[in-house]
Structure formats: structure tokens, C-alpha cells
Protein backbone atom coordinates (compact mmCIF):
# COMPACT_ATOMS: atom_id res chain seq x y z
CA UNK A 1 145.00 173.31 -128.03
CA UNK A 2 144.26 172.04 -124.67
CA UNK A 3 146.16 170.66 -121.66
CA UNK A 4 144.80 167.12 -122.18
CA UNK A 5 147.20 164.48 -121.77
CA UNK A 6 147.20 161.11 -123.31
CA UNK A 7 148.98 157.61 -123.08
CA UNK A 8 149.53 154.83 -125.48
CA UNK A 9 146.88 152.43 -124.95
CA UNK A 10 148.97 149.52 -123.47
CA UNK A 11 148.86 146.54 -123.33
CA UNK A 12 146.63 146.70 -126.41
CA UNK A 13 148.97 148.71 -128.29
CA UNK A 14 152.77 147.98 -128.90
CA UNK A 15 155.01 150.35 -130.57
CA UNK A 16 158.69 150.71 -131.67
CA UNK A 17 160.47 153.71 -133.54
CA UNK A 18 163.26 152.53 -135.74
CA UNK A 19 165.14 154.99 -138.03
CA UNK A 20 162.70 157.78 -137.29
CA UNK A 21 159.49 155.75 -138.13
CA UNK A 22 157.14 154.86 -135.40
CA UNK A 23 155.62 151.42 -135.96
CA UNK A 24 152.42 150.92 -134.05
CA UNK A 25 150.45 147.59 -133.59
CA UNK A 26 146.99 147.40 -132.34
CA UNK A 27 146.83 143.83 -130.97
CA UNK A 28 142.88 143.84 -130.47
CA UNK A 29 142.18 144.90 -134.14
CA UNK A 30 145.31 143.35 -136.03
CA UNK A 31 145.96 146.68 -137.68
CA UNK A 32 149.34 148.22 -137.88
CA UNK A 33 150.40 151.79 -138.40
CA UNK A 34 153.31 153.91 -139.48
CA UNK A 35 154.13 157.32 -138.52
CA UNK A 36 157.29 159.12 -140.09
CA UNK A 37 158.78 162.64 -139.72
CA UNK A 38 156.25 165.09 -137.78
CA UNK A 39 154.02 162.11 -137.04
CA UNK A 40 156.65 160.15 -135.35
CA UNK A 41 157.81 163.18 -133.34
CA UNK A 42 154.23 163.77 -132.09
CA UNK A 43 153.99 160.01 -131.15
CA UNK A 44 157.26 160.31 -129.16
CA UNK A 45 156.06 163.20 -127.41
CA UNK A 46 152.69 161.61 -126.48
CA UNK A 47 154.36 158.69 -125.42
CA UNK A 48 156.57 160.63 -122.97
CA UNK A 49 153.49 162.28 -121.47
CA UNK A 50 153.39 165.83 -123.32
CA UNK A 51 149.94 167.51 -123.36
CA UNK A 52 148.24 168.30 -126.71
CA UNK A 53 149.43 172.03 -126.13
CA UNK A 54 153.15 170.97 -125.25
CA UNK A 55 153.14 168.87 -128.39
CA UNK A 56 151.77 171.78 -130.44
CA UNK A 57 154.40 174.13 -129.08
CA UNK A 58 157.26 171.69 -129.30
CA UNK A 59 156.30 171.10 -133.07
CA UNK A 60 156.28 174.73 -133.67
CA UNK A 61 159.68 175.00 -132.16
CA UNK A 62 160.90 172.43 -134.51
CA UNK A 63 159.21 173.07 -137.81
CA UNK A 64 158.87 176.05 -140.01
CA UNK A 65 155.18 176.72 -140.89
CA UNK A 66 151.86 178.50 -139.99
CA UNK A 67 151.13 178.03 -136.33
CA UNK A 68 147.34 177.45 -137.16
CA UNK A 69 148.37 174.73 -139.63
CA UNK A 70 150.69 173.16 -137.11
CA UNK A 71 147.95 173.24 -134.51
CA UNK A 72 145.41 171.75 -136.88
CA UNK A 73 147.89 168.82 -137.95
CA UNK A 74 148.68 167.96 -134.54
CA UNK A 75 145.04 167.90 -133.51
CA UNK A 76 143.98 165.93 -136.51
CA UNK A 77 146.49 163.28 -135.79
CA UNK A 78 145.62 163.15 -131.92
CA UNK A 79 142.07 162.77 -133.11
CA UNK A 80 143.16 159.79 -135.49
CA UNK A 81 145.16 158.22 -132.95
CA UNK A 82 142.27 158.28 -130.47
CA UNK A 83 139.69 156.96 -133.13
CA UNK A 84 141.92 154.03 -133.94
CA UNK A 85 142.16 153.44 -129.96
CA UNK A 86 145.96 153.78 -130.08
CA UNK A 87 146.02 156.46 -127.41
CA UNK A 88 143.57 157.14 -124.41
CA UNK A 89 143.12 160.42 -122.66
CA UNK A 90 144.58 160.59 -119.01
CA UNK A 91 143.12 162.54 -116.30
CA UNK A 92 145.17 163.81 -113.43
CA UNK A 93 148.46 162.78 -115.14
CA UNK A 94 151.60 164.47 -113.71
CA UNK A 95 153.29 167.38 -115.68
CA UNK A 96 156.48 166.39 -117.64
CA UNK A 97 159.80 168.10 -117.63
CA UNK A 98 159.88 170.30 -120.83
CA UNK A 99 163.59 170.27 -121.07
CA UNK A 100 163.50 166.22 -121.12
CA UNK A 101 161.02 166.54 -123.92
CA UNK A 102 163.24 168.96 -125.89
CA UNK A 103 166.02 166.54 -125.92
CA UNK A 104 164.05 164.47 -128.31
CA UNK A 105 163.57 167.10 -130.83
CA UNK A 106 165.48 166.69 -134.16
CA UNK A 107 168.06 169.39 -134.72
CA UNK A 108 169.10 170.11 -138.34
CA UNK A 109 171.65 172.81 -137.55
CA UNK A 110 170.15 176.26 -137.81
CA UNK A 111 167.52 175.80 -140.42
CA UNK A 112 164.00 174.54 -139.49
CA UNK A 113 162.71 172.15 -141.97
CA UNK A 114 159.11 172.86 -143.30
CA UNK A 115 156.11 171.45 -141.51
CA UNK A 116 154.22 168.73 -143.35
CA UNK A 117 151.11 167.62 -141.91
CA UNK A 118 151.43 164.14 -140.31
CA UNK A 119 149.85 161.17 -141.77
CA UNK A 120 148.88 157.99 -140.05
CA UNK A 121 149.19 155.09 -142.43
CA UNK A 122 147.04 152.12 -141.54
CA UNK A 123 147.60 148.56 -142.69
CA UNK A 124 145.57 145.47 -142.29
CA UNK A 125 147.26 143.15 -144.55
CA UNK A 126 148.42 141.08 -141.59
CA UNK A 127 145.26 141.42 -139.64
CA UNK A 128 144.62 137.71 -139.44
CA UNK A 129 148.14 136.83 -138.61
CA UNK A 130 148.35 139.40 -135.74
CA UNK A 131 145.26 138.18 -134.47
CA UNK A 132 146.22 134.34 -134.39
CA UNK A 133 149.49 135.23 -132.60
CA UNK A 134 149.54 134.31 -128.96
CA UNK A 135 151.46 137.62 -128.18
CA UNK A 136 148.11 139.04 -127.47
CA UNK A 137 148.40 137.55 -123.91
CA UNK A 138 150.84 139.86 -122.50
CA UNK A 139 151.29 141.72 -119.32
CA UNK A 140 152.09 145.69 -118.93
CA UNK A 141 155.88 145.10 -119.70
CA UNK A 142 154.86 143.13 -122.88
CA UNK A 143 155.90 139.75 -121.86
CA UNK A 144 153.60 136.88 -122.58
CA UNK A 145 151.28 136.07 -119.58
CA UNK A 146 151.87 132.40 -118.53
CA UNK A 147 148.88 130.11 -118.64
CA UNK A 148 147.81 129.43 -115.09
CA UNK A 149 148.11 125.70 -113.80
CA UNK A 150 144.73 124.09 -113.37
CA UNK A 151 143.50 123.72 -109.83
CA UNK A 152 144.88 120.56 -108.39
């Protein structure tokens, strides 16, 4: 793994995690995505600024499995997220506090769950609707951009 950091491709991409499922919408393409379990954790770590190698290490601490399989699963998901234009590489991003990242790791007592490779589920059934919605015109905070008044 490498020390490459990524960020969510805002304002083009918006996301919410509900009951452990990350729901991600690409407002440019009209596609939406779902990540659960390991995928949702990886998304949360990337969203908080973790580098690819930090994500791999934290996933290894959380799940039971072969380190090479975990590495491959994390890298495959990061590649898919980039290909779908959901995340973009960031150069010169500040390092993050690993203790803060560890606070979001799930805890199941003493036994680690088995690692299952993450799967990015892609949906395009609402594409036309999402592309018609004026929510596209949003600022960095996600609020609609007001239409400027015409010059007087």
C-alpha cells in the first residue's frame, strides 16, 4: 500500500451513512452506490483523511484474515471508487490522528469478524431523476446555490 490520501469528490459527490451502510450519490452521473460492512468502514476512513496504507492497517486491526487479501480488497475498492469518480487523490494532505480514526472502528468484544472483500454496489435506476433534480447546483456545504439576480 502507499501513503496516498484521497478525499470525497465534493460537491459532485454527496454521501450519508445510515445504520452501517454508506449511501453515495454522484450528482454528475446520476448513479448512486452502496457500501456495507468492510466497504462502509473503508469509506468512513477515507472520508476522514486516512491514507491507503492507514486504511489497510486499520482494516487489518478490525477484521480477521490474510493480510494480502485485506490489502487487495482495500486497494480494489479504492481503485473502483476512483474509477467511479467518487474519490480523488490529494497531494500534500495533512496527516490525521490515528487515535481519532481508531474511534470509528467497530468493536465486537474480543472476537474479530472475518474479513469479507468490500463490494461497491452501483445503481442507475434513478439516474434520470437525479440528473433532473436542481440539487446539482450546490455549494461546498451542500446547500443550493442561489440563482444570481440579473444585472440592473
